[in-house]
Amino acid sequence: MKPLTLVAVNAGLSEPSSTRMLVDRLTDDAASLVRSQGGDVDVQIIDLRDLAVDIGRSLATGFATGAAGDAIRSVEDADALIVATPVFNASYSGLFKSFFDLVDVDAMEGKPVLIAATGGSPRHSMVLDHALRPLFGYLRTVVVPTGVYAASEDWASTSGDTATLSDRIRRAATQLVALMPTGTVRHAVTSQTSDADRGEQRVHAGEEAGIANFARLLAGD
């Protein structure tokens, strides 16, 4: 029985990076929850700063090449994604957008995604809903209800909102894990159904978890 695959995409550019710190917290919580339920999970973290040249070349050629191509395939094959970007000019970073411009939309359909962002001010928290959520809605993914935004003050040990940040991280991770198939379900799905059927099953799982499918709503289904 193959383990579940959880892939996290980190668009942080600095070293150390608060965006990478947030990704680590989210993946640790999600993986711990899967394992606490008796499941097995492989975690892969993709640092986009290391792929910047390949991403640029891939955009110029029209298809993913080199290490960027390997990263894109990991994202498309993942059972669930965690994505995080720093806020630049009130939106996601250009590197983050360029990377996801390379994915195959059909391969993303129904995939559970947890969105996250970091910034200097709490005022930028709306980036989750006005930028990230529409992007991953267009990619036909199932975005968990709780997005996680971390401002600079959230990381402070003596001020800010660290307790609430931990609560948001745990709530978002719990919602993501609820949409991930168990090892038994994953094995059955992989061996008996097509990619389209797997996407449909993920969509139904999202609806059962109370996550609206806006594509169905707009189509009048």
C-alpha atoms as a PDB file:
ATOM      1  CA  MET A   1       0.000   0.000   0.000  1.00  0.00           C
ATOM      2  CA  LYS A   2       1.529   3.281  -1.092  1.00  0.00           C
ATOM      3  CA  PRO A   3       1.669   6.216   1.344  1.00  0.00           C
ATOM      4  CA  LEU A   4      -0.235   9.412   0.677  1.00  0.00           C
ATOM      5  CA  THR A   5       1.741  12.237  -0.904  1.00  0.00           C
ATOM      6  CA  LEU A   6       1.619  15.737   0.570  1.00  0.00           C
ATOM      7  CA  VAL A   7       3.470  18.382  -1.436  1.00  0.00           C
ATOM      8  CA  ALA A   8       4.113  21.894  -0.116  1.00  0.00           C
ATOM      9  CA  VAL A   9       5.101  24.789  -2.369  1.00  0.00           C
ATOM     10  CA  ASN A  10       7.105  27.547  -0.685  1.00  0.00           C
ATOM     11  CA  ALA A  11       7.487  30.836  -2.572  1.00  0.00           C
ATOM     12  CA  GLY A  12       9.579  32.525   0.121  1.00  0.00           C
ATOM     13  CA  LEU A  13      12.743  34.148  -1.222  1.00  0.00           C
ATOM     14  CA  SER A  14      14.791  35.017   1.846  1.00  0.00           C
ATOM     15  CA  GLU A  15      16.874  32.753   4.055  1.00  0.00           C
ATOM     16  CA  PRO A  16      15.630  32.272   6.696  1.00  0.00           C
ATOM     17  CA  SER A  17      12.102  32.752   5.421  1.00  0.00           C
ATOM     18  CA  SER A  18       8.924  33.293   7.422  1.00  0.00           C
ATOM     19  CA  THR A  19       7.016  31.712   4.518  1.00  0.00           C
ATOM     20  CA  ARG A  20       9.137  28.560   4.813  1.00  0.00           C
ATOM     21  CA  MET A  21       8.570  28.597   8.583  1.00  0.00           C
ATOM     22  CA  LEU A  22       4.822  28.662   7.990  1.00  0.00           C
ATOM     23  CA  VAL A  23       5.076  25.844   5.421  1.00  0.00           C
ATOM     24  CA  ASP A  24       7.032  23.722   7.901  1.00  0.00           C
ATOM     25  CA  ARG A  25       4.422  24.269  10.617  1.00  0.00           C
ATOM     26  CA  LEU A  26       1.552  23.399   8.277  1.00  0.00           C
ATOM     27  CA  THR A  27       3.179  20.267   6.844  1.00  0.00           C
ATOM     28  CA  ASP A  28       4.219  19.055  10.300  1.00  0.00           C
ATOM     29  CA  ASP A  29       0.669  19.392  11.620  1.00  0.00           C
ATOM     30  CA  ALA A  30      -0.917  17.758   8.571  1.00  0.00           C
ATOM     31  CA  ALA A  31       1.540  14.848   8.524  1.00  0.00           C
ATOM     32  CA  SER A  32       1.126  14.300  12.272  1.00  0.00           C
ATOM     33  CA  LEU A  33      -2.647  14.161  11.877  1.00  0.00           C
ATOM     34  CA  VAL A  34      -2.419  11.590   9.075  1.00  0.00           C
ATOM     35  CA  ARG A  35      -0.073   9.415  11.116  1.00  0.00           C
ATOM     36  CA  SER A  36      -2.209   9.755  14.248  1.00  0.00           C
ATOM     37  CA  GLN A  37      -5.055   8.209  12.235  1.00  0.00           C
ATOM     38  CA  GLY A  38      -2.892   5.233  11.290  1.00  0.00           C
ATOM     39  CA  GLY A  39      -1.982   6.486   7.830  1.00  0.00           C
ATOM     40  CA  ASP A  40       1.371   6.913   6.130  1.00  0.00           C
ATOM     41  CA  VAL A  41       2.405  10.053   4.282  1.00  0.00           C
ATOM     42  CA  ASP A  42       5.362  11.215   2.223  1.00  0.00           C
ATOM     43  CA  VAL A  43       6.044  14.955   2.502  1.00  0.00           C
ATOM     44  CA  GLN A  44       7.878  16.953  -0.157  1.00  0.00           C
ATOM     45  CA  ILE A  45       8.617  20.667   0.131  1.00  0.00           C
ATOM     46  CA  ILE A  46       9.378  22.583  -3.070  1.00  0.00           C
ATOM     47  CA  ASP A  47      11.337  25.828  -2.608  1.00  0.00           C
ATOM     48  CA  LEU A  48      10.627  27.956  -5.661  1.00  0.00           C
ATOM     49  CA  ARG A  49      13.657  30.187  -5.121  1.00  0.00           C
ATOM     50  CA  ASP A  50      15.816  27.222  -6.165  1.00  0.00           C
ATOM     51  CA  LEU A  51      13.808  26.801  -9.388  1.00  0.00           C
ATOM     52  CA  ALA A  52      13.602  30.443 -10.503  1.00  0.00           C
ATOM     53  CA  VAL A  53      15.837  30.029 -13.581  1.00  0.00           C
ATOM     54  CA  ASP A  54      14.097  26.830 -14.719  1.00  0.00           C
ATOM     55  CA  ILE A  55      10.682  28.409 -14.200  1.00  0.00           C
ATOM     56  CA  GLY A  56      11.664  31.360 -16.397  1.00  0.00           C
ATOM     57  CA  ARG A  57      12.998  29.065 -19.109  1.00  0.00           C
ATOM     58  CA  SER A  58       9.874  26.926 -18.922  1.00  0.00           C
ATOM     59  CA  LEU A  59       7.622  29.933 -19.429  1.00  0.00           C
ATOM     60  CA  ALA A  60       9.695  30.990 -22.430  1.00  0.00           C
ATOM     61  CA  THR A  61       9.525  27.551 -24.050  1.00  0.00           C
ATOM     62  CA  GLY A  62       5.894  26.900 -23.158  1.00  0.00           C
ATOM     63  CA  PHE A  63       6.447  23.707 -21.166  1.00  0.00           C
ATOM     64  CA  ALA A  64       8.070  22.754 -17.880  1.00  0.00           C
ATOM     65  CA  THR A  65      11.701  21.663 -18.153  1.00  0.00           C
ATOM     66  CA  GLY A  66      14.519  20.649 -15.832  1.00  0.00           C
ATOM     67  CA  ALA A  67      13.986  20.756 -12.094  1.00  0.00           C
ATOM     68  CA  ALA A  68      10.858  22.870 -12.604  1.00  0.00           C
ATOM     69  CA  GLY A  69       9.361  20.056 -14.673  1.00  0.00           C
ATOM     70  CA  ASP A  70      10.043  17.552 -11.884  1.00  0.00           C
ATOM     71  CA  ALA A  71       8.427  19.904  -9.357  1.00  0.00           C
ATOM     72  CA  ILE A  72       5.365  20.400 -11.556  1.00  0.00           C
ATOM     73  CA  ARG A  73       4.911  16.637 -11.879  1.00  0.00           C
ATOM     74  CA  SER A  74       5.156  16.271  -8.098  1.00  0.00           C
ATOM     75  CA  VAL A  75       2.421  18.881  -7.661  1.00  0.00           C
ATOM     76  CA  GLU A  76       0.160  17.266 -10.266  1.00  0.00           C
ATOM     77  CA  ASP A  77       0.608  13.796  -8.745  1.00  0.00           C
ATOM     78  CA  ALA A  78       0.144  14.854  -5.107  1.00  0.00           C
ATOM     79  CA  ASP A  79      -2.807  13.701  -3.027  1.00  0.00           C
ATOM     80  CA  ALA A  80      -2.916  17.142  -1.387  1.00  0.00           C
ATOM     81  CA  LEU A  81      -1.096  20.475  -1.568  1.00  0.00           C
ATOM     82  CA  ILE A  82      -0.025  23.183   0.825  1.00  0.00           C
ATOM     83  CA  VAL A  83       0.890  26.427  -0.950  1.00  0.00           C
ATOM     84  CA  ALA A  84       2.372  29.540   0.633  1.00  0.00           C
ATOM     85  CA  THR A  85       3.585  32.850  -0.744  1.00  0.00           C
ATOM     86  CA  PRO A  86       4.850  36.139   0.636  1.00  0.00           C
ATOM     87  CA  VAL A  87       2.648  39.114  -0.200  1.00  0.00           C
ATOM     88  CA  PHE A  88       4.091  41.384  -2.904  1.00  0.00           C
ATOM     89  CA  ASN A  89       2.094  44.477  -3.926  1.00  0.00           C
ATOM     90  CA  ALA A  90      -1.085  43.124  -2.307  1.00  0.00           C
ATOM     91  CA  SER A  91      -0.965  39.793  -4.131  1.00  0.00           C
ATOM     92  CA  TYR A  92       1.018  36.554  -4.505  1.00  0.00           C
ATOM     93  CA  SER A  93       4.582  36.761  -5.786  1.00  0.00           C
ATOM     94  CA  GLY A  94       5.364  36.674  -9.498  1.00  0.00           C
ATOM     95  CA  LEU A  95       7.463  33.539  -9.004  1.00  0.00           C
ATOM     96  CA  PHE A  96       4.526  31.786  -7.332  1.00  0.00           C
ATOM     97  CA  LYS A  97       2.146  32.708 -10.174  1.00  0.00           C
ATOM     98  CA  SER A  98       4.682  31.745 -12.846  1.00  0.00           C
ATOM     99  CA  PHE A  99       5.102  28.303 -11.300  1.00  0.00           C
ATOM    100  CA  PHE A 100       1.376  27.581 -11.214  1.00  0.00           C
ATOM    101  CA  ASP A 101       0.986  28.909 -14.770  1.00  0.00           C
ATOM    102  CA  LEU A 102       2.885  25.766 -15.795  1.00  0.00           C
ATOM    103  CA  VAL A 103       0.592  23.160 -14.238  1.00  0.00           C
ATOM    104  CA  ASP A 104      -1.953  21.129 -16.195  1.00  0.00           C
ATOM    105  CA  VAL A 105      -5.388  22.324 -15.089  1.00  0.00           C
ATOM    106  CA  ASP A 106      -6.945  18.909 -15.710  1.00  0.00           C
ATOM    107  CA  ALA A 107      -4.396  17.286 -13.376  1.00  0.00           C
ATOM    108  CA  MET A 108      -5.371  19.700 -10.587  1.00  0.00           C
ATOM    109  CA  GLU A 109      -9.109  19.052 -10.667  1.00  0.00           C
ATOM    110  CA  GLY A 110     -10.512  18.111  -7.260  1.00  0.00           C
ATOM    111  CA  LYS A 111      -7.108  18.219  -5.536  1.00  0.00           C
ATOM    112  CA  PRO A 112      -7.299  19.363  -1.874  1.00  0.00           C
ATOM    113  CA  VAL A 113      -5.305  22.578  -1.334  1.00  0.00           C
ATOM    114  CA  LEU A 114      -4.473  24.566   1.788  1.00  0.00           C
ATOM    115  CA  ILE A 115      -3.598  28.189   0.979  1.00  0.00           C
ATOM    116  CA  ALA A 116      -1.281  30.314   3.119  1.00  0.00           C
ATOM    117  CA  ALA A 117       0.573  33.633   2.942  1.00  0.00           C
ATOM    118  CA  THR A 118       2.921  35.826   4.958  1.00  0.00           C
ATOM    119  CA  GLY A 119       3.364  39.569   5.125  1.00  0.00           C
ATOM    120  CA  GLY A 120       4.535  42.438   7.255  1.00  0.00           C
ATOM    121  CA  SER A 121       1.091  43.714   8.195  1.00  0.00           C
ATOM    122  CA  PRO A 122      -2.207  42.072   9.164  1.00  0.00           C
ATOM    123  CA  ARG A 123      -3.857  44.366   6.598  1.00  0.00           C
ATOM    124  CA  HIS A 124      -2.634  42.072   3.814  1.00  0.00           C
ATOM    125  CA  SER A 125      -4.554  39.043   5.077  1.00  0.00           C
ATOM    126  CA  MET A 126      -7.260  39.516   2.424  1.00  0.00           C
ATOM    127  CA  VAL A 127      -4.743  38.232  -0.139  1.00  0.00           C
ATOM    128  CA  LEU A 128      -6.010  34.752   0.737  1.00  0.00           C
ATOM    129  CA  ASP A 129      -9.503  35.507  -0.518  1.00  0.00           C
ATOM    130  CA  HIS A 130      -8.934  38.049  -3.285  1.00  0.00           C
ATOM    131  CA  ALA A 131      -5.895  36.412  -4.924  1.00  0.00           C
ATOM    132  CA  LEU A 132      -5.074  32.871  -3.815  1.00  0.00           C
ATOM    133  CA  ARG A 133      -8.571  31.425  -3.535  1.00  0.00           C
ATOM    134  CA  PRO A 134      -9.630  32.594  -7.040  1.00  0.00           C
ATOM    135  CA  LEU A 135      -6.398  31.246  -8.560  1.00  0.00           C
ATOM    136  CA  PHE A 136      -6.901  27.766  -7.144  1.00  0.00           C
ATOM    137  CA  GLY A 137     -10.604  27.908  -7.903  1.00  0.00           C
ATOM    138  CA  TYR A 138      -9.659  28.466 -11.547  1.00  0.00           C
ATOM    139  CA  LEU A 139      -7.352  25.432 -11.315  1.00  0.00           C
ATOM    140  CA  ARG A 140     -10.437  23.407 -10.221  1.00  0.00           C
ATOM    141  CA  THR A 141      -8.950  22.429  -6.875  1.00  0.00           C
ATOM    142  CA  VAL A 142     -10.847  22.054  -3.605  1.00  0.00           C
ATOM    143  CA  VAL A 143      -9.554  24.818  -1.328  1.00  0.00           C
ATOM    144  CA  VAL A 144     -10.069  24.183   2.381  1.00  0.00           C
ATOM    145  CA  PRO A 145     -12.201  26.806   4.162  1.00  0.00           C
ATOM    146  CA  THR A 146      -9.454  28.006   6.509  1.00  0.00           C
ATOM    147  CA  GLY A 147      -6.572  29.881   4.901  1.00  0.00           C
ATOM    148  CA  VAL A 148      -3.599  30.808   7.070  1.00  0.00           C
ATOM    149  CA  TYR A 149      -2.060  34.278   6.976  1.00  0.00           C
ATOM    150  CA  ALA A 150       0.871  35.109   9.238  1.00  0.00           C
ATOM    151  CA  ALA A 151       1.955  38.728   9.781  1.00  0.00           C
ATOM    152  CA  SER A 152       5.318  39.613  11.278  1.00  0.00           C
ATOM    153  CA  GLU A 153       3.799  40.126  14.711  1.00  0.00           C
ATOM    154  CA  ASP A 154       2.321  36.603  14.693  1.00  0.00           C
ATOM    155  CA  TRP A 155       5.827  35.182  15.066  1.00  0.00           C
ATOM    156  CA  ALA A 156       6.738  37.357  18.072  1.00  0.00           C
ATOM    157  CA  SER A 157       7.104  35.553  21.369  1.00  0.00           C
ATOM    158  CA  THR A 158       5.959  38.454  23.543  1.00  0.00           C
ATOM    159  CA  SER A 159       3.304  40.104  21.362  1.00  0.00           C
ATOM    160  CA  GLY A 160       1.110  39.446  18.383  1.00  0.00           C
ATOM    161  CA  ASP A 161      -1.280  36.542  18.001  1.00  0.00           C
ATOM    162  CA  THR A 162       0.865  33.410  18.241  1.00  0.00           C
ATOM    163  CA  ALA A 163      -1.801  31.325  20.006  1.00  0.00           C
ATOM    164  CA  THR A 164      -4.357  32.175  17.342  1.00  0.00           C
ATOM    165  CA  LEU A 165      -1.834  31.414  14.579  1.00  0.00           C
ATOM    166  CA  SER A 166      -1.276  27.958  16.051  1.00  0.00           C
ATOM    167  CA  ASP A 167      -5.036  27.453  16.222  1.00  0.00           C
ATOM    168  CA  ARG A 168      -5.441  28.485  12.563  1.00  0.00           C
ATOM    169  CA  ILE A 169      -2.634  26.184  11.501  1.00  0.00           C
ATOM    170  CA  ARG A 170      -4.185  23.221  13.289  1.00  0.00           C
ATOM    171  CA  ARG A 171      -7.692  23.974  11.988  1.00  0.00           C
ATOM    172  CA  ALA A 172      -6.504  24.328   8.391  1.00  0.00           C
ATOM    173  CA  ALA A 173      -4.377  21.172   8.606  1.00  0.00           C
ATOM    174  CA  THR A 174      -7.330  19.241  10.024  1.00  0.00           C
ATOM    175  CA  GLN A 175      -9.563  20.367   7.157  1.00  0.00           C
ATOM    176  CA  LEU A 176      -6.913  19.365   4.604  1.00  0.00           C
ATOM    177  CA  VAL A 177      -6.413  15.918   6.107  1.00  0.00           C
ATOM    178  CA  ALA A 178     -10.200  15.385   6.122  1.00  0.00           C
ATOM    179  CA  LEU A 179     -10.103  15.634   2.319  1.00  0.00           C
ATOM    180  CA  MET A 180      -7.145  13.295   1.865  1.00  0.00           C
ATOM    181  CA  PRO A 181      -8.015   9.670   1.123  1.00  0.00           C
ATOM    182  CA  THR A 182      -6.953   6.973   3.549  1.00  0.00           C
ATOM    183  CA  GLY A 183      -4.362   4.515   2.332  1.00  0.00           C
ATOM    184  CA  THR A 184      -7.082   1.899   1.654  1.00  0.00           C
ATOM    185  CA  VAL A 185      -9.257   4.321  -0.295  1.00  0.00           C
ATOM    186  CA  ARG A 186      -6.288   5.604  -2.250  1.00  0.00           C
ATOM    187  CA  HIS A 187      -5.269   2.096  -3.268  1.00  0.00           C
ATOM    188  CA  ALA A 188      -8.761   1.260  -4.465  1.00  0.00           C
ATOM    189  CA  VAL A 189      -9.104   4.521  -6.363  1.00  0.00           C
ATOM    190  CA  THR A 190      -5.726   4.176  -8.037  1.00  0.00           C
ATOM    191  CA  SER A 191      -6.377   0.646  -9.233  1.00  0.00           C
ATOM    192  CA  GLN A 192     -10.014   0.911 -10.284  1.00  0.00           C
ATOM    193  CA  THR A 193     -10.791   4.446 -11.463  1.00  0.00           C
ATOM    194  CA  SER A 194      -9.589   7.011 -13.962  1.00  0.00           C
ATOM    195  CA  ASP A 195      -8.016  10.400 -13.224  1.00  0.00           C
ATOM    196  CA  ALA A 196     -11.373  12.062 -13.954  1.00  0.00           C
ATOM    197  CA  ASP A 197     -13.122   9.772 -11.472  1.00  0.00           C
ATOM    198  CA  ARG A 198     -10.515  10.538  -8.815  1.00  0.00           C
ATOM    199  CA  GLY A 199     -11.118  14.248  -9.302  1.00  0.00           C
ATOM    200  CA  GLU A 200     -14.867  13.716  -9.019  1.00  0.00           C
ATOM    201  CA  GLN A 201     -14.437  11.730  -5.803  1.00  0.00           C
ATOM    202  CA  ARG A 202     -12.326  14.515  -4.307  1.00  0.00           C
ATOM    203  CA  VAL A 203     -15.025  17.044  -5.229  1.00  0.00           C
ATOM    204  CA  HIS A 204     -17.699  14.913  -3.528  1.00  0.00           C
ATOM    205  CA  ALA A 205     -15.479  14.629  -0.446  1.00  0.00           C
ATOM    206  CA  GLY A 206     -15.199  18.406  -0.349  1.00  0.00           C
ATOM    207  CA  GLU A 207     -18.943  18.852  -0.601  1.00  0.00           C
ATOM    208  CA  GLU A 208     -19.502  16.345   2.187  1.00  0.00           C
ATOM    209  CA  ALA A 209     -17.056  18.355   4.312  1.00  0.00           C
ATOM    210  CA  GLY A 210     -19.183  21.450   3.738  1.00  0.00           C
ATOM    211  CA  ILE A 211     -16.947  23.049   1.068  1.00  0.00           C
ATOM    212  CA  ALA A 212     -18.986  24.597  -1.725  1.00  0.00           C
ATOM    213  CA  ASN A 213     -18.215  23.559  -5.285  1.00  0.00           C
ATOM    214  CA  PHE A 214     -18.620  26.865  -7.128  1.00  0.00           C
ATOM    215  CA  ALA A 215     -18.248  25.263 -10.555  1.00  0.00           C
ATOM    216  CA  ARG A 216     -21.358  23.148  -9.854  1.00  0.00           C
ATOM    217  CA  LEU A 217     -23.225  26.124  -8.432  1.00  0.00           C
ATOM    218  CA  LEU A 218     -22.503  28.284 -11.479  1.00  0.00           C
ATOM    219  CA  ALA A 219     -23.526  25.447 -13.786  1.00  0.00           C
ATOM    220  CA  GLY A 220     -26.804  25.097 -11.927  1.00  0.00           C
ATOM    221  CA  ASP A 221     -26.181  21.453 -10.895  1.00  0.00           C
END
